[in-house]
Amino acid sequence: MNEAMQIKEARGDNSPRSLCSPGFKNWNSIEWKQVHRNVSRLQARIVKAEKEGRIGKVKALQIILTKSLAARALAVKRVTENRGKNTPGVDGSLWKTPGSKAKAVQHLRRKGYKASALKRVYIPKANGKKRPLGIPTMRDRAMQALYQMALDPVAECRADVNSYGFRRHRSTADAIEKCFAVLSRKLAGRWVLEGDIKGCFDNINHQWLLDNIPTDKKMLNAWLKAGVVHKGAFHATEAGTPQGGIISPVLANMALDGLEDALQARFGSKISPRRKACRINLVRYADDFIITGSSPELLENEVKPLVQNFLSERGLALSAEKTSITYITDGFDFLGQNIRKYRDKLLIKPSRKSISNLLEKVREIIKSHKSSTAGGLILLLNPIIRGWANYHRHVVSGRVFARVDHAIWQAIWAWAVRRHPKKSKKWVRSKYFTTEGGNNWAFFGETYAGVRVLLFKATSLGIIRHIKVRQDLNPYDPAWKDYLVKRVAKSTPGSGWVPQGAF
C-alpha cells in the first residue's frame, strides 16, 4: 500500500478534514476545547494503530496530525505560553500578538521548511560547571512541538514501564515510590548500581536516532544537524539533541528505552527464578537510574557491562565519577532524596545536598536584600521554600522541615537585628514577628499594595504519602480516562479536572 492510500485509509470518514482548510484567521476566536479534542482523537488513533502493529497506519496518522490546523494552532499556543516565550532564537523573533500567532499557524508547514541554527547559552550547574543550552527560533520550537505531538503517543507505547522522566502524569515522586517498593522488602536487593549517563543530550548518536525514531526523517535530520551559534561563530552539531529543544526529551527517552528489555533478556522476566534470585530491578528518571542487585559482583561483572553495551550502541557512556555501587545500609542520593535502610527499615529523606542548596539560596537572597522591606523579602522567599517543601512532603521529612524552618528563622533574625543596631531585641521582635496559629515567631510584613504576608514555614505542610502512578498507564489511550480523572481528583480535591480531548 503506497503512502497516499495509507493516509486515505487512516483519515477515515470521521476525520476532521476541515482542520486543513486555510480559513483560519482570528487567533482569539479559536475554540481550544475543540482543538484539544481533535488532536487527542488523532493521538488515540495513533496509539491504537501502534498497539495493533500497523506501522504504515501509524505513519499515515502522524502525517495527518502534523498537517492538521488544530495541531498547528496547539503547537503555536504551547511555545507562546511557556516559560521561554520571551526568549528569542538567533533571528530575534517573538510571537506576542494575536496576529503574529495566527500568521505563524498558517506558515507552520513542512514544505519549504529549513531549521535555523540554535543560539548557544550556558547555564550554571550545581557542581560549578556550566550546562550548554540551545535556544531554537520560535518557528523551530513550534515545528518541534507539532511533531512531538505525533511522536509522543508512539513513545508512550514503547516506553520502559519504570521510566518516569519527561512523561505525562509521571514525576520524580513516582520514581521515588518505585524505589521504596523495590528496596523496602526484606528480600529486596541490598546493592544498588547508581547510574548516570555522561552528557546524555550532547552525545546521542544521530544515525541511531534517524534509524530508530518513528518520525519524519527529514524533519528530524534538520533539527539534529541545525548547528549552534555562539559569540557570532557557527558550530556544526555531529551528535546529541539540543538541550532546550521541545522534542529533545522525547528523543532522549526513546534512546534509553529498551534497557528494561535488555535486562529481561539477560536475567529473565520479573517472575523468573533467576531474576528473583538476582533481585534485579530498574528505576529510571531521564538519564539518572538505579539498578538493584543481590551482590556487588553481579552488578559490577554482569549488569554494568550490559548497561555499557546498551549505551554504546547509542553513542553514550556511563559517567565514571557519578556511577557507583552502594550497599543499601550506607544509603545513596537519588533525585534529591536520600534512600537508606536502618536495621532493615527503609527510610527516604531529603538529601543533605538538597537541604544545603535550599539554605544557601535562601541566605543569598536575604544577604542581597538588606534594604528590602519585610514584605518584599517574604514574597521572594515564599515560592522557594514552598516549592522545596512540596517536593519533599511525600517522604520522611518532618524533622528535616523543622530544622530547615529554624535555620531560615536564624537568618531572618540576623537580617532584622542588623537593620536596627540601636534598637532592643524586644523592639525588633515586635516589629517583625507576630503570633499566628500557635507560632509565636511568625515573620510578617506588608507588600507595596498594603497586603499583610507571612513567611511560609515548611512544617505547615502535612506529610502525604504519594500514590505511585500505574506503570502501564498510557495518557493517550482513552481506556485510561477514568483512572486519570480519579487520580487527579485525589491529588487535587475539587479541581473538577478531566482529560482534555475526545475521551
Protein backbone atom coordinates (compact mmCIF):
# COMPACT_ATOMS: atom_id res chain seq x y z
CA MET A 1 0.00 0.00 0.00
CA ASN A 2 1.54 3.35 -1.01
CA GLU A 3 1.67 6.39 1.25
CA ALA A 4 -1.32 8.13 -0.36
CA MET A 5 -3.54 5.08 0.17
CA GLN A 6 -2.33 4.70 3.78
CA ILE A 7 -3.20 8.33 4.50
CA LYS A 8 -6.63 7.92 2.90
CA GLU A 9 -7.31 4.82 5.00
CA ALA A 10 -6.02 6.47 8.18
CA ARG A 11 -8.12 9.58 7.61
CA GLY A 12 -11.37 7.65 7.69
CA ASP A 13 -14.85 9.04 7.22
CA ASN A 14 -14.88 10.82 10.58
CA SER A 15 -11.53 12.61 10.26
CA PRO A 16 -11.71 16.40 10.70
CA ARG A 17 -10.84 17.41 7.10
CA SER A 18 -11.78 20.99 7.96
CA LEU A 19 -8.66 21.21 10.10
CA CYS A 20 -6.59 21.54 6.92
CA SER A 21 -8.68 24.33 5.47
CA PRO A 22 -6.96 27.73 5.06
CA GLY A 23 -9.83 29.70 6.56
CA PHE A 24 -8.25 30.21 9.97
CA LYS A 25 -7.66 33.93 10.58
CA ASN A 26 -8.54 35.09 14.10
CA TRP A 27 -6.40 33.74 16.96
CA ASN A 28 -8.80 34.96 19.64
CA SER A 29 -11.75 33.11 18.12
CA ILE A 30 -10.23 29.63 18.44
CA GLU A 31 -12.30 27.13 20.44
CA TRP A 32 -9.49 25.43 22.35
CA LYS A 33 -11.66 22.63 23.72
CA GLN A 34 -12.41 21.56 20.17
CA VAL A 35 -8.74 21.89 19.24
CA HIS A 36 -7.69 19.61 22.10
CA ARG A 37 -10.46 17.19 21.23
CA ASN A 38 -9.39 16.92 17.59
CA VAL A 39 -5.72 16.44 18.44
CA SER A 40 -6.45 13.89 21.18
CA ARG A 41 -8.69 11.94 18.81
CA LEU A 42 -5.85 11.55 16.32
CA GLN A 43 -3.36 10.69 19.08
CA ALA A 44 -5.70 7.99 20.39
CA ARG A 45 -5.88 6.50 16.90
CA ILE A 46 -2.08 6.51 16.68
CA VAL A 47 -1.94 4.55 19.96
CA LYS A 48 -4.49 2.05 18.67
CA ALA A 49 -2.59 1.53 15.41
CA GLU A 50 0.73 1.19 17.26
CA LYS A 51 -0.70 -1.46 19.59
CA GLU A 52 -2.03 -3.36 16.58
CA GLY A 53 1.40 -3.24 14.95
CA ARG A 54 0.11 -1.29 11.93
CA ILE A 55 3.26 0.75 11.30
CA GLY A 56 2.03 2.13 7.98
CA LYS A 57 -1.16 3.45 9.55
CA VAL A 58 0.82 4.98 12.42
CA LYS A 59 2.93 6.90 9.93
CA ALA A 60 -0.14 8.00 7.95
CA LEU A 61 -1.89 9.24 11.10
CA GLN A 62 1.23 11.13 12.14
CA ILE A 63 1.22 12.90 8.77
CA ILE A 64 -2.45 13.81 9.16
CA LEU A 65 -1.84 15.16 12.66
CA THR A 66 1.15 17.32 11.67
CA LYS A 67 -0.86 18.79 8.79
CA SER A 68 -3.96 19.46 10.86
CA LEU A 69 -4.93 23.02 11.70
CA ALA A 70 -5.75 22.05 15.29
CA ALA A 71 -2.29 20.60 15.96
CA ARG A 72 -0.55 23.57 14.35
CA ALA A 73 -2.58 26.00 16.47
CA LEU A 74 -1.84 23.97 19.61
CA ALA A 75 1.89 23.96 18.80
CA VAL A 76 1.93 27.75 18.46
CA LYS A 77 -0.07 28.11 21.67
CA ARG A 78 2.45 25.96 23.54
CA VAL A 79 5.55 27.91 22.52
CA THR A 80 3.90 31.29 23.08
CA GLU A 81 2.68 30.49 26.59
CA ASN A 82 5.56 28.54 28.14
CA ARG A 83 8.46 29.93 30.18
CA GLY A 84 10.61 30.53 27.11
CA LYS A 85 8.03 32.66 25.30
CA ASN A 86 10.11 35.82 25.80
CA THR A 87 13.44 34.28 24.80
CA PRO A 88 14.18 34.68 21.08
CA GLY A 89 16.41 32.47 18.95
CA VAL A 90 19.10 33.58 16.52
CA ASP A 91 16.57 35.52 14.42
CA GLY A 92 15.40 37.64 17.38
CA SER A 93 11.75 36.90 16.54
CA LEU A 94 8.96 36.53 19.10
CA TRP A 95 5.24 35.86 18.60
CA LYS A 96 3.44 38.10 21.05
CA THR A 97 0.40 39.47 19.22
CA PRO A 98 -2.69 37.52 18.14
CA GLY A 99 -1.91 38.47 14.54
CA SER A 100 1.63 37.07 14.67
CA LYS A 101 0.36 33.85 16.24
CA ALA A 102 -2.33 33.42 13.58
CA LYS A 103 0.22 34.05 10.85
CA ALA A 104 2.58 31.52 12.45
CA VAL A 105 -0.11 28.82 12.31
CA GLN A 106 -0.58 29.41 8.59
CA HIS A 107 3.16 29.15 7.89
CA LEU A 108 3.80 26.10 10.07
CA ARG A 109 4.25 23.63 7.21
CA ARG A 110 6.79 21.01 6.22
CA LYS A 111 7.10 22.21 2.64
CA GLY A 112 9.97 24.65 2.31
CA TYR A 113 10.91 24.34 5.98
CA LYS A 114 14.55 24.72 6.95
CA ALA A 115 15.74 24.61 10.56
CA SER A 116 17.76 27.57 11.84
CA ALA A 117 20.87 27.25 14.00
CA LEU A 118 20.38 27.33 17.75
CA LYS A 119 21.54 30.19 19.93
CA ARG A 120 24.06 28.78 22.42
CA VAL A 121 23.94 29.92 26.04
CA TYR A 122 25.44 28.38 29.16
CA ILE A 123 23.67 27.95 32.49
CA PRO A 124 25.47 27.11 35.77
CA LYS A 125 25.22 23.61 37.27
CA ALA A 126 25.29 22.67 40.95
CA ASN A 127 28.86 21.35 40.66
CA GLY A 128 30.17 24.68 39.39
CA LYS A 129 30.33 23.63 35.76
CA LYS A 130 28.14 25.07 33.02
CA ARG A 131 25.49 23.28 31.02
CA PRO A 132 25.16 24.17 27.31
CA LEU A 133 21.65 25.16 26.30
CA GLY A 134 20.49 25.59 22.71
CA ILE A 135 17.67 28.05 22.07
CA PRO A 136 15.76 27.41 18.82
CA THR A 137 13.83 30.08 16.96
CA MET A 138 10.11 30.36 17.61
CA ARG A 139 9.32 28.64 14.31
CA ASP A 140 11.65 25.75 15.07
CA ARG A 141 10.14 25.38 18.55
CA ALA A 142 6.64 25.28 17.11
CA MET A 143 7.62 22.72 14.47
CA GLN A 144 9.22 20.54 17.13
CA ALA A 145 6.12 20.86 19.32
CA LEU A 146 3.98 19.85 16.34
CA TYR A 147 5.98 16.72 15.55
CA GLN A 148 6.33 15.89 19.23
CA MET A 149 2.52 15.62 19.41
CA ALA A 150 2.67 12.93 16.74
CA LEU A 151 5.68 11.12 18.22
CA ASP A 152 4.78 11.05 21.91
CA PRO A 153 1.84 8.60 21.63
CA VAL A 154 4.20 6.10 19.99
CA ALA A 155 6.88 6.78 22.59
CA GLU A 156 4.39 6.04 25.37
CA CYS A 157 3.53 2.69 23.79
CA ARG A 158 7.20 1.70 23.56
CA ALA A 159 8.46 3.19 26.84
CA ASP A 160 10.03 1.20 29.66
CA VAL A 161 7.41 0.70 32.37
CA ASN A 162 9.71 2.06 35.09
CA SER A 163 10.79 5.19 33.24
CA TYR A 164 9.37 8.30 34.91
CA GLY A 165 11.17 11.33 33.47
CA PHE A 166 9.72 13.67 30.82
CA ARG A 167 6.46 11.71 30.57
CA ARG A 168 2.92 12.94 31.10
CA HIS A 169 1.39 12.17 34.51
CA ARG A 170 4.72 10.84 35.81
CA SER A 171 7.06 12.60 38.22
CA THR A 172 10.09 12.22 40.47
CA ALA A 173 7.70 11.26 43.28
CA ASP A 174 6.62 8.22 41.25
CA ALA A 175 10.25 7.20 40.73
CA ILE A 176 10.94 7.55 44.48
CA GLU A 177 7.87 5.47 45.34
CA LYS A 178 9.09 2.77 42.96
CA CYS A 179 12.46 2.83 44.76
CA PHE A 180 10.60 2.30 48.03
CA ALA A 181 8.64 -0.59 46.53
CA VAL A 182 11.70 -2.47 45.27
CA LEU A 183 14.02 -1.74 48.21
CA SER A 184 11.79 -1.87 51.30
CA ARG A 185 11.04 -5.60 51.16
CA LYS A 186 13.08 -7.98 53.32
CA LEU A 187 14.09 -9.98 50.24
CA ALA A 188 14.92 -6.91 48.16
CA GLY A 189 18.32 -6.46 46.57
CA ARG A 190 20.69 -4.84 49.04
CA TRP A 191 23.16 -3.50 46.48
CA VAL A 192 22.42 -0.61 44.16
CA LEU A 193 24.11 0.46 40.93
CA GLU A 194 23.70 4.24 40.75
CA GLY A 195 23.93 5.10 37.06
CA ASP A 196 24.47 8.48 35.46
CA ILE A 197 24.98 8.95 31.73
CA LYS A 198 27.76 11.29 30.69
CA GLY A 199 26.40 14.17 28.62
CA CYS A 200 23.31 12.25 27.56
CA PHE A 201 21.71 15.01 25.48
CA ASP A 202 25.03 16.03 23.94
CA ASN A 203 26.27 12.63 22.78
CA ILE A 204 23.36 10.58 21.42
CA ASN A 205 24.34 9.15 18.05
CA HIS A 206 22.48 10.91 15.23
CA GLN A 207 22.40 7.87 12.97
CA TRP A 208 20.89 5.74 15.71
CA LEU A 209 18.13 8.33 16.15
CA LEU A 210 17.46 8.51 12.40
CA ASP A 211 17.32 4.71 12.16
CA ASN A 212 15.13 4.09 15.21
CA ILE A 213 12.88 7.09 15.96
CA PRO A 214 9.46 6.70 14.24
CA THR A 215 9.06 10.24 12.96
CA ASP A 216 9.66 12.24 9.78
CA LYS A 217 13.35 11.61 8.99
CA LYS A 218 13.78 14.81 7.00
CA MET A 219 12.50 16.95 9.86
CA LEU A 220 14.48 15.05 12.47
CA ASN A 221 17.69 15.34 10.47
CA ALA A 222 17.11 19.09 10.01
CA TRP A 223 16.92 19.62 13.80
CA LEU A 224 19.86 17.35 14.58
CA LYS A 225 22.14 19.00 12.01
CA ALA A 226 21.00 22.59 12.57
CA GLY A 227 24.20 23.60 14.35
CA VAL A 228 24.68 26.28 17.00
CA VAL A 229 25.79 29.90 17.01
CA HIS A 230 27.97 31.08 19.91
CA LYS A 231 29.61 34.50 20.06
CA GLY A 232 28.87 35.05 16.39
CA ALA A 233 30.54 31.80 15.25
CA PHE A 234 28.70 28.83 13.75
CA HIS A 235 29.47 25.33 15.06
CA ALA A 236 28.18 22.16 13.41
CA THR A 237 26.40 19.52 15.52
CA GLU A 238 27.60 15.97 14.84
CA ALA A 239 25.99 14.26 17.84
CA GLY A 240 23.38 14.83 20.51
CA THR A 241 19.99 16.51 20.70
CA PRO A 242 19.82 20.20 21.66
CA GLN A 243 19.10 20.84 25.33
CA GLY A 244 16.34 23.39 25.02
CA GLY A 245 14.57 21.77 22.08
CA ILE A 246 10.97 20.76 22.79
CA ILE A 247 11.31 17.38 21.11
CA SER A 248 14.68 16.57 22.72
CA PRO A 249 13.33 14.96 25.95
CA VAL A 250 11.21 12.53 23.91
CA LEU A 251 14.18 11.65 21.69
CA ALA A 252 16.42 11.06 24.72
CA ASN A 253 13.77 8.94 26.45
CA MET A 254 13.28 6.79 23.35
CA ALA A 255 17.04 6.33 23.05
CA LEU A 256 17.17 4.99 26.61
CA ASP A 257 14.01 2.90 26.37
CA GLY A 258 14.87 -0.74 25.91
CA LEU A 259 17.16 -1.09 28.93
CA GLU A 260 14.35 -2.93 30.70
CA ASP A 261 14.14 -5.39 27.79
CA ALA A 262 17.92 -5.83 27.80
CA LEU A 263 17.83 -6.77 31.49
CA GLN A 264 14.94 -9.13 30.86
CA ALA A 265 16.81 -10.83 28.01
CA ARG A 266 19.77 -11.46 30.34
CA PHE A 267 18.03 -12.27 33.62
CA GLY A 268 14.52 -13.24 32.58
CA SER A 269 11.15 -11.70 33.44
CA LYS A 270 10.32 -10.45 36.91
CA ILE A 271 8.73 -13.77 37.85
CA SER A 272 11.59 -15.92 36.55
CA PRO A 273 13.62 -17.78 39.22
CA ARG A 274 16.95 -16.31 38.08
CA ARG A 275 15.78 -12.70 38.17
CA LYS A 276 14.22 -13.24 41.58
CA ALA A 277 17.48 -14.71 42.83
CA CYS A 278 19.49 -11.83 41.35
CA ARG A 279 16.89 -9.30 42.63
CA ILE A 280 17.24 -7.13 39.54
CA ASN A 281 15.04 -4.02 39.39
CA LEU A 282 15.40 -0.87 37.27
CA VAL A 283 14.10 2.63 38.11
CA ARG A 284 14.92 5.42 35.67
CA TYR A 285 14.21 9.15 35.60
CA ALA A 286 15.53 10.67 32.36
CA ASP A 287 19.28 9.89 32.32
CA ASP A 288 19.51 9.06 36.05
CA PHE A 289 18.77 5.47 37.04
CA ILE A 290 19.36 2.80 39.64
CA ILE A 291 19.52 -0.97 39.26
CA THR A 292 19.24 -3.18 42.33
CA GLY A 293 21.05 -6.49 42.69
CA SER A 294 21.86 -9.27 45.14
CA SER A 295 25.62 -8.66 45.19
CA PRO A 296 28.23 -6.10 44.13
CA GLU A 297 29.91 -8.73 41.92
CA LEU A 298 26.68 -9.27 39.99
CA LEU A 299 26.26 -5.55 39.40
CA GLU A 300 29.91 -4.97 38.51
CA ASN A 301 30.54 -8.02 36.31
CA GLU A 302 27.17 -8.59 34.63
CA VAL A 303 24.81 -5.63 34.95
CA LYS A 304 27.27 -2.78 34.43
CA PRO A 305 28.80 -4.25 31.21
CA LEU A 306 25.28 -4.89 29.91
CA VAL A 307 24.35 -1.24 30.51
CA GLN A 308 27.59 -0.04 28.92
CA ASN A 309 26.99 -2.14 25.79
CA PHE A 310 23.40 -0.89 25.60
CA LEU A 311 24.53 2.73 25.82
CA SER A 312 27.49 2.39 23.44
CA GLU A 313 25.12 1.43 20.60
CA ARG A 314 23.55 4.85 21.07
CA GLY A 315 26.83 6.76 21.34
CA LEU A 316 26.53 7.09 25.11
CA ALA A 317 28.62 6.07 28.13
CA LEU A 318 28.33 5.96 31.90
CA SER A 319 29.85 8.82 33.87
CA ALA A 320 32.79 7.35 35.81
CA GLU A 321 32.59 9.96 38.57
CA LYS A 322 28.84 9.65 39.15
CA THR A 323 28.32 5.90 38.65
CA SER A 324 28.88 3.72 41.73
CA ILE A 325 27.75 0.58 43.52
CA THR A 326 26.39 1.16 47.04
CA TYR A 327 25.21 -1.02 49.90
CA ILE A 328 21.70 -0.07 50.95
CA THR A 329 22.61 0.48 54.64
CA ASP A 330 25.18 3.07 53.52
CA GLY A 331 22.45 4.88 51.60
CA PHE A 332 22.54 6.81 48.35
CA ASP A 333 21.08 10.00 46.89
CA PHE A 334 18.58 9.83 44.04
CA LEU A 335 16.52 12.73 42.68
CA GLY A 336 17.22 14.93 45.70
CA GLN A 337 16.29 12.24 48.24
CA ASN A 338 18.49 10.06 50.42
CA ILE A 339 17.46 6.39 50.38
CA ARG A 340 18.84 4.20 53.14
CA LYS A 341 17.97 1.19 55.27
CA TYR A 342 18.23 1.43 59.04
CA ARG A 343 18.06 -2.07 60.58
CA ASP A 344 16.01 -3.39 57.68
CA LYS A 345 13.68 -0.37 57.71
CA LEU A 346 13.91 1.75 54.58
CA LEU A 347 13.68 5.50 55.13
CA ILE A 348 13.67 8.12 52.39
CA LYS A 349 14.57 11.65 53.45
CA PRO A 350 15.59 14.89 51.76
CA SER A 351 19.28 14.64 50.87
CA ARG A 352 21.86 16.79 52.62
CA LYS A 353 22.78 18.36 49.31
CA SER A 354 19.16 19.35 48.68
CA ILE A 355 18.88 20.90 52.14
CA SER A 356 22.19 22.71 51.73
CA ASN A 357 21.19 24.08 48.31
CA LEU A 358 17.92 25.43 49.69
CA LEU A 359 19.51 27.15 52.69
CA GLU A 360 22.30 28.56 50.54
CA LYS A 361 19.76 30.04 48.14
CA VAL A 362 17.65 31.47 50.98
CA ARG A 363 20.67 33.01 52.72
CA GLU A 364 21.90 34.52 49.48
CA ILE A 365 18.53 36.19 48.88
CA ILE A 366 18.46 37.54 52.44
CA LYS A 367 22.05 38.78 52.17
CA SER A 368 21.45 40.53 48.84
CA HIS A 369 18.27 42.27 50.07
CA LYS A 370 19.50 44.01 53.19
CA SER A 371 17.44 47.13 52.49
CA SER A 372 14.31 45.35 51.27
CA THR A 373 11.09 45.59 53.23
CA ALA A 374 9.95 42.58 55.22
CA GLY A 375 7.01 42.10 52.86
CA GLY A 376 9.23 42.26 49.79
CA LEU A 377 11.65 39.73 51.26
CA ILE A 378 8.81 37.35 52.13
CA LEU A 379 7.49 37.50 48.56
CA LEU A 380 10.94 36.45 47.31
CA LEU A 381 11.41 33.62 49.82
CA ASN A 382 7.97 32.04 49.95
CA PRO A 383 7.93 30.47 46.43
CA ILE A 384 11.36 28.92 47.01
CA ILE A 385 10.55 27.46 50.44
CA ARG A 386 7.08 26.30 49.41
CA GLY A 387 8.33 24.67 46.21
CA TRP A 388 11.11 22.82 48.07
CA ALA A 389 8.74 21.65 50.82
CA ASN A 390 6.12 20.46 48.32
CA TYR A 391 8.77 18.43 46.51
CA HIS A 392 9.85 16.67 49.73
CA ARG A 393 6.49 16.36 51.50
CA HIS A 394 5.97 12.77 50.30
CA VAL A 395 8.95 11.32 52.20
CA VAL A 396 10.14 11.18 55.82
CA SER A 397 10.76 14.91 56.13
CA GLY A 398 9.02 16.17 59.30
CA ARG A 399 12.20 16.63 61.34
CA VAL A 400 14.09 17.99 58.35
CA PHE A 401 11.36 20.58 57.78
CA ALA A 402 11.67 21.69 61.42
CA ARG A 403 15.47 22.07 61.09
CA VAL A 404 15.07 23.99 57.84
CA ASP A 405 12.49 26.35 59.36
CA HIS A 406 14.82 27.01 62.31
CA ALA A 407 17.81 27.71 60.06
CA ILE A 408 15.75 30.13 57.98
CA TRP A 409 14.46 31.81 61.15
CA GLN A 410 18.04 32.34 62.32
CA ALA A 411 18.95 34.01 59.02
CA ILE A 412 15.82 36.21 59.17
CA TRP A 413 16.51 37.19 62.79
CA ALA A 414 20.08 38.20 61.93
CA TRP A 415 18.71 40.25 59.00
CA ALA A 416 16.20 42.04 61.26
CA VAL A 417 18.70 42.78 64.07
CA ARG A 418 21.28 44.08 61.59
CA ARG A 419 18.77 46.59 60.21
CA HIS A 420 18.24 48.19 63.62
CA PRO A 421 21.53 48.13 65.56
CA LYS A 422 20.33 50.74 68.04
CA LYS A 423 17.06 49.04 68.89
CA SER A 424 16.50 46.38 71.52
CA LYS A 425 15.78 42.79 70.52
CA LYS A 426 12.36 43.11 72.12
CA TRP A 427 11.58 46.02 69.78
CA VAL A 428 12.86 44.06 66.76
CA ARG A 429 10.68 41.13 67.67
CA SER A 430 7.55 43.26 67.99
CA LYS A 431 8.23 44.93 64.62
CA TYR A 432 8.88 41.83 62.52
CA PHE A 433 7.37 38.86 64.35
CA THR A 434 3.87 38.02 65.45
CA THR A 435 1.81 35.14 66.82
CA GLU A 436 -0.02 33.15 64.18
CA GLY A 437 -1.66 29.74 64.63
CA GLY A 438 0.36 28.85 67.72
CA ASN A 439 3.62 30.13 66.25
CA ASN A 440 4.96 33.00 68.37
CA TRP A 441 7.75 33.86 65.93
CA ALA A 442 5.94 34.22 62.62
CA PHE A 443 7.86 36.62 60.38
CA PHE A 444 5.45 39.07 58.74
CA GLY A 445 5.40 42.18 56.60
CA GLU A 446 3.33 44.17 54.15
CA THR A 447 3.55 44.28 50.38
CA TYR A 448 3.63 47.56 48.45
CA ALA A 449 -0.11 47.13 47.99
CA GLY A 450 -0.59 47.03 51.77
CA VAL A 451 -1.36 43.31 51.94
CA ARG A 452 -0.10 41.53 55.07
CA VAL A 453 2.00 38.45 54.30
CA LEU A 454 3.66 35.77 56.44
CA LEU A 455 6.83 33.80 55.79
CA PHE A 456 5.93 30.28 54.69
CA LYS A 457 7.04 27.52 57.04
CA ALA A 458 7.87 24.06 55.69
CA THR A 459 6.35 22.47 58.79
CA SER A 460 2.97 23.94 57.88
CA LEU A 461 2.72 21.29 55.17
CA GLY A 462 1.43 17.90 56.17
CA ILE A 463 3.39 14.82 55.12
CA ILE A 464 1.33 13.00 52.49
CA ARG A 465 2.32 9.63 51.05
CA HIS A 466 2.44 9.77 47.25
CA ILE A 467 0.47 7.12 45.37
CA LYS A 468 2.60 5.86 42.50
CA VAL A 469 1.14 6.03 39.03
CA ARG A 470 0.19 2.74 37.39
CA GLN A 471 3.25 1.65 35.44
CA ASP A 472 1.28 0.67 32.33
CA LEU A 473 -0.58 4.00 32.08
CA ASN A 474 -0.79 5.48 28.58
CA PRO A 475 -2.25 9.01 28.82
CA TYR A 476 -3.17 8.97 25.11
CA ASP A 477 -5.27 5.82 25.41
CA PRO A 478 -8.99 6.57 26.08
CA ALA A 479 -9.19 3.42 28.21
CA TRP A 480 -7.31 5.29 30.97
CA LYS A 481 -9.69 8.25 31.17
CA ASP A 482 -11.49 7.18 34.36
CA TYR A 483 -8.24 6.31 36.11
CA LEU A 484 -6.72 9.72 35.33
CA VAL A 485 -9.84 11.59 36.45
CA LYS A 486 -9.89 9.73 39.79
CA ARG A 487 -6.14 10.13 40.28
CA VAL A 488 -6.17 13.89 39.74
CA ALA A 489 -9.31 14.26 41.89
CA LYS A 490 -7.50 12.56 44.80
CA SER A 491 -4.39 14.71 44.46
CA THR A 492 -6.32 17.99 43.96
CA PRO A 493 -9.79 17.63 45.52
CA GLY A 494 -12.42 19.87 43.99
CA SER A 495 -10.42 20.57 40.84
CA GLY A 496 -13.07 19.11 38.54
CA TRP A 497 -10.26 18.19 36.13
CA VAL A 498 -10.96 15.95 33.17
CA PRO A 499 -8.51 14.89 30.44
CA GLN A 500 -8.58 17.26 27.51
CA GLY A 501 -9.58 15.65 24.25
CA ALA A 502 -12.08 13.28 22.77
CA PHE A 503 -12.00 10.70 25.56
